[in-house]
C-alpha cells in the first residue's frame, strides 16, 4: 500500500508548483516502492484514475470534505493521481 506520507503530502498541495513537486515525489515513490503500488502498468494506473474520478464525489462525501468535483483544485488533482496508484486493484 502506498505510504501515509503521500496521502498527507497530497493534502498540502495548493498551487501548480506544489503539484509539480508532488508528481516528482510520486515518481520517486514509484521508482523506490513499485511493489507497493496496486496498479503496476500504465493501463492499470489509467483505469484506476478513471475509476476514482468517476467515483470521487462519493469519496469526498464519505470523508466529509465538501468539494465541487466539477471544479477541481491542485490538491484534488494530486489526490486523483495518488488514488490511481491503487484504486480498483
N, C-alpha and C. Protein backbone atom coordinates (compact mmCIF):
# COMPACT_ATOMS: atom_id res chain seq x y z
N UNK A 1 0.84 -1.18 0.00
CA UNK A 1 0.00 0.00 0.00
C UNK A 1 0.89 1.24 0.00
N UNK A 2 0.50 2.20 -0.76
CA UNK A 2 1.24 3.46 -0.83
C UNK A 2 1.20 4.11 0.54
N UNK A 3 2.33 4.70 0.95
CA UNK A 3 2.50 5.20 2.31
C UNK A 3 1.63 6.38 2.68
N UNK A 4 1.40 6.49 3.99
CA UNK A 4 0.62 7.60 4.53
C UNK A 4 1.26 8.95 4.24
N UNK A 5 2.59 8.98 4.11
CA UNK A 5 3.25 10.25 3.83
C UNK A 5 2.77 10.85 2.52
N UNK A 6 2.48 10.02 1.54
CA UNK A 6 1.96 10.52 0.27
C UNK A 6 0.55 11.08 0.43
N UNK A 7 -0.27 10.42 1.24
CA UNK A 7 -1.62 10.93 1.48
C UNK A 7 -1.56 12.27 2.19
N UNK A 8 -0.69 12.37 3.19
CA UNK A 8 -0.53 13.64 3.90
C UNK A 8 0.01 14.72 2.97
N UNK A 9 0.96 14.36 2.13
CA UNK A 9 1.55 15.32 1.20
C UNK A 9 0.49 15.83 0.22
N UNK A 10 -0.32 14.92 -0.32
CA UNK A 10 -1.35 15.33 -1.29
C UNK A 10 -2.28 16.38 -0.70
N UNK A 11 -2.57 16.28 0.58
CA UNK A 11 -3.48 17.23 1.23
C UNK A 11 -2.89 18.64 1.31
N UNK A 12 -1.58 18.77 1.17
CA UNK A 12 -0.94 20.09 1.28
C UNK A 12 -0.79 20.79 -0.07
N UNK A 13 -1.11 20.11 -1.15
CA UNK A 13 -0.91 20.68 -2.49
C UNK A 13 -1.94 21.78 -2.72
N UNK A 14 -1.46 22.99 -2.98
CA UNK A 14 -2.39 24.12 -3.18
C UNK A 14 -2.02 25.01 -4.36
N UNK A 15 -0.94 24.69 -5.05
CA UNK A 15 -0.53 25.51 -6.19
C UNK A 15 0.04 24.62 -7.29
N UNK A 16 0.26 25.22 -8.43
CA UNK A 16 0.83 24.47 -9.56
C UNK A 16 2.20 23.92 -9.20
N UNK A 17 3.03 24.73 -8.55
CA UNK A 17 4.36 24.26 -8.18
C UNK A 17 4.30 23.17 -7.11
N UNK A 18 3.36 23.28 -6.18
CA UNK A 18 3.16 22.20 -5.21
C UNK A 18 2.82 20.90 -5.95
N UNK A 19 1.97 21.02 -6.97
CA UNK A 19 1.56 19.84 -7.74
C UNK A 19 2.75 19.24 -8.48
N UNK A 20 3.58 20.09 -9.08
CA UNK A 20 4.78 19.61 -9.77
C UNK A 20 5.67 18.84 -8.81
N UNK A 21 5.90 19.41 -7.64
CA UNK A 21 6.73 18.72 -6.63
C UNK A 21 6.09 17.41 -6.17
N UNK A 22 4.78 17.41 -6.03
CA UNK A 22 4.08 16.18 -5.64
C UNK A 22 4.26 15.10 -6.71
N UNK A 23 4.12 15.46 -7.97
CA UNK A 23 4.29 14.48 -9.06
C UNK A 23 5.72 13.94 -9.06
N UNK A 24 6.69 14.80 -8.83
CA UNK A 24 8.09 14.34 -8.75
C UNK A 24 8.26 13.37 -7.58
N UNK A 25 7.65 13.68 -6.45
CA UNK A 25 7.73 12.81 -5.28
C UNK A 25 7.03 11.48 -5.55
N UNK A 26 5.88 11.55 -6.20
CA UNK A 26 5.14 10.34 -6.56
C UNK A 26 5.97 9.46 -7.50
N UNK A 27 6.66 10.08 -8.43
CA UNK A 27 7.53 9.35 -9.36
C UNK A 27 8.67 8.65 -8.61
N UNK A 28 9.27 9.35 -7.65
CA UNK A 28 10.33 8.72 -6.84
C UNK A 28 9.77 7.54 -6.04
N UNK A 29 8.57 7.71 -5.51
CA UNK A 29 7.93 6.63 -4.77
C UNK A 29 7.73 5.42 -5.67
N UNK A 30 7.31 5.65 -6.89
CA UNK A 30 7.11 4.56 -7.85
C UNK A 30 8.43 3.84 -8.12
N UNK A 31 9.50 4.60 -8.28
CA UNK A 31 10.81 4.00 -8.56
C UNK A 31 11.32 3.19 -7.37
N UNK A 32 11.08 3.68 -6.17
CA UNK A 32 11.63 3.04 -4.97
C UNK A 32 10.72 1.98 -4.36
N UNK A 33 9.42 2.10 -4.57
CA UNK A 33 8.47 1.20 -3.90
C UNK A 33 7.40 0.67 -4.86
N UNK A 34 7.80 0.35 -6.07
CA UNK A 34 6.81 -0.06 -7.07
C UNK A 34 6.00 -1.27 -6.62
N UNK A 35 6.59 -2.11 -5.77
CA UNK A 35 5.87 -3.30 -5.30
C UNK A 35 4.69 -2.93 -4.40
N UNK A 36 4.65 -1.71 -3.89
CA UNK A 36 3.54 -1.27 -3.04
C UNK A 36 2.39 -0.67 -3.85
N UNK A 37 2.62 -0.45 -5.13
CA UNK A 37 1.58 0.12 -5.97
C UNK A 37 0.67 -1.01 -6.46
N UNK A 38 -0.62 -0.88 -6.26
CA UNK A 38 -1.54 -1.90 -6.73
C UNK A 38 -1.67 -1.91 -8.24
N UNK A 39 -1.58 -0.75 -8.85
CA UNK A 39 -1.71 -0.64 -10.31
C UNK A 39 -0.32 -0.50 -10.91
N UNK A 40 0.19 -1.61 -11.40
CA UNK A 40 1.59 -1.71 -11.84
C UNK A 40 1.84 -1.21 -13.25
N UNK A 41 0.85 -1.30 -14.12
CA UNK A 41 1.06 -0.91 -15.51
C UNK A 41 0.36 0.43 -15.79
N UNK A 42 0.74 1.06 -16.88
CA UNK A 42 0.07 2.31 -17.27
C UNK A 42 -1.42 2.06 -17.49
N UNK A 43 -1.75 0.95 -18.10
CA UNK A 43 -3.15 0.61 -18.34
C UNK A 43 -3.92 0.50 -17.01
N UNK A 44 -3.33 -0.17 -16.03
CA UNK A 44 -3.97 -0.29 -14.72
C UNK A 44 -4.07 1.07 -14.03
N UNK A 45 -3.00 1.85 -14.11
CA UNK A 45 -2.98 3.18 -13.49
C UNK A 45 -4.07 4.06 -14.08
N UNK A 46 -4.17 4.08 -15.40
CA UNK A 46 -5.20 4.91 -16.05
C UNK A 46 -6.60 4.40 -15.73
N UNK A 47 -6.75 3.08 -15.63
CA UNK A 47 -8.04 2.52 -15.22
C UNK A 47 -8.40 2.94 -13.80
N UNK A 48 -7.40 2.92 -12.92
CA UNK A 48 -7.62 3.38 -11.55
C UNK A 48 -7.97 4.86 -11.50
N UNK A 49 -7.30 5.65 -12.32
CA UNK A 49 -7.58 7.08 -12.39
C UNK A 49 -9.01 7.32 -12.86
N UNK A 50 -9.39 6.65 -13.92
CA UNK A 50 -10.74 6.78 -14.45
C UNK A 50 -11.78 6.36 -13.42
N UNK A 51 -11.54 5.24 -12.77
CA UNK A 51 -12.48 4.75 -11.76
C UNK A 51 -12.63 5.70 -10.59
N UNK A 52 -11.50 6.22 -10.10
CA UNK A 52 -11.57 7.15 -8.97
C UNK A 52 -12.28 8.43 -9.36
N UNK A 53 -11.94 8.99 -10.51
CA UNK A 53 -12.58 10.24 -10.93
C UNK A 53 -14.09 10.04 -11.08
N UNK A 54 -14.49 8.88 -11.59
CA UNK A 54 -15.91 8.58 -11.72
C UNK A 54 -16.60 8.52 -10.36
N UNK A 55 -15.90 8.04 -9.35
CA UNK A 55 -16.49 7.83 -8.03
C UNK A 55 -16.09 8.89 -6.99
N UNK A 56 -15.33 9.90 -7.37
CA UNK A 56 -14.73 10.77 -6.36
C UNK A 56 -15.74 11.62 -5.60
N UNK A 57 -16.90 11.88 -6.16
CA UNK A 57 -17.90 12.61 -5.39
C UNK A 57 -18.27 11.83 -4.13
N UNK A 58 -18.41 10.52 -4.25
CA UNK A 58 -18.68 9.67 -3.10
C UNK A 58 -17.52 9.63 -2.12
N UNK A 59 -16.30 9.60 -2.65
CA UNK A 59 -15.12 9.60 -1.78
C UNK A 59 -15.09 10.85 -0.91
N UNK A 60 -15.24 12.01 -1.54
CA UNK A 60 -15.17 13.26 -0.77
C UNK A 60 -16.35 13.37 0.21
N UNK A 61 -17.52 12.89 -0.19
CA UNK A 61 -18.67 12.89 0.72
C UNK A 61 -18.38 12.00 1.93
N UNK A 62 -17.81 10.81 1.69
CA UNK A 62 -17.52 9.87 2.77
C UNK A 62 -16.50 10.39 3.77
N UNK A 63 -15.57 11.21 3.31
CA UNK A 63 -14.57 11.74 4.25
C UNK A 63 -14.99 13.11 4.81
N UNK A 64 -16.20 13.55 4.46
CA UNK A 64 -16.73 14.79 5.00
C UNK A 64 -16.11 16.04 4.41
N UNK A 65 -15.59 15.92 3.20
CA UNK A 65 -14.95 17.06 2.53
C UNK A 65 -15.92 17.61 1.49
N UNK A 66 -16.46 18.78 1.74
CA UNK A 66 -17.45 19.38 0.86
C UNK A 66 -16.74 20.11 -0.28
N UNK A 67 -16.54 19.40 -1.40
CA UNK A 67 -15.87 20.00 -2.55
C UNK A 67 -16.76 19.87 -3.78
N UNK A 68 -16.54 20.76 -4.72
CA UNK A 68 -17.23 20.70 -6.01
C UNK A 68 -16.35 19.90 -6.96
N UNK A 69 -16.73 18.67 -7.26
CA UNK A 69 -15.89 17.81 -8.10
C UNK A 69 -15.86 18.27 -9.55
N UNK A 70 -16.68 19.25 -9.90
CA UNK A 70 -16.63 19.82 -11.25
C UNK A 70 -15.63 20.96 -11.35
N UNK A 71 -15.12 21.41 -10.22
CA UNK A 71 -14.13 22.50 -10.17
C UNK A 71 -12.92 22.00 -9.38
N UNK A 72 -12.10 21.17 -10.01
CA UNK A 72 -11.01 20.54 -9.26
C UNK A 72 -9.93 21.55 -8.89
N UNK A 73 -9.29 21.24 -7.79
CA UNK A 73 -8.18 22.05 -7.30
C UNK A 73 -6.88 21.29 -7.53
N UNK A 74 -5.75 21.95 -7.30
CA UNK A 74 -4.46 21.27 -7.40
C UNK A 74 -4.39 20.11 -6.41
N UNK A 75 -4.95 20.32 -5.22
CA UNK A 75 -4.97 19.24 -4.23
C UNK A 75 -5.76 18.04 -4.75
N UNK A 76 -6.91 18.29 -5.33
CA UNK A 76 -7.72 17.20 -5.86
C UNK A 76 -7.00 16.48 -7.00
N UNK A 77 -6.28 17.23 -7.82
CA UNK A 77 -5.52 16.61 -8.91
C UNK A 77 -4.46 15.67 -8.33
N UNK A 78 -3.79 16.10 -7.27
CA UNK A 78 -2.79 15.25 -6.61
C UNK A 78 -3.46 14.01 -6.03
N UNK A 79 -4.61 14.19 -5.40
CA UNK A 79 -5.32 13.06 -4.81
C UNK A 79 -5.80 12.08 -5.88
N UNK A 80 -6.16 12.60 -7.05
CA UNK A 80 -6.56 11.72 -8.15
C UNK A 80 -5.40 10.84 -8.60
N UNK A 81 -4.22 11.44 -8.77
CA UNK A 81 -3.05 10.65 -9.17
C UNK A 81 -2.69 9.64 -8.10
N UNK A 82 -2.76 10.05 -6.86
CA UNK A 82 -2.43 9.13 -5.77
C UNK A 82 -3.42 7.97 -5.73
N UNK A 83 -4.70 8.26 -5.85
CA UNK A 83 -5.71 7.21 -5.84
C UNK A 83 -5.50 6.24 -7.00
N UNK A 84 -5.05 6.75 -8.13
CA UNK A 84 -4.84 5.90 -9.31
C UNK A 84 -3.78 4.84 -9.08
N UNK A 85 -2.93 5.02 -8.08
CA UNK A 85 -1.89 4.02 -7.82
C UNK A 85 -2.47 2.73 -7.27
N UNK A 86 -3.65 2.81 -6.66
CA UNK A 86 -4.23 1.62 -6.02
C UNK A 86 -5.70 1.38 -6.34
N UNK A 87 -6.42 2.37 -6.83
CA UNK A 87 -7.86 2.27 -6.98
C UNK A 87 -8.24 1.14 -7.93
N UNK A 88 -9.12 0.29 -7.47
CA UNK A 88 -9.62 -0.80 -8.30
C UNK A 88 -8.71 -2.00 -8.39
N UNK A 89 -7.56 -1.95 -7.73
CA UNK A 89 -6.62 -3.09 -7.84
C UNK A 89 -6.95 -4.16 -6.82
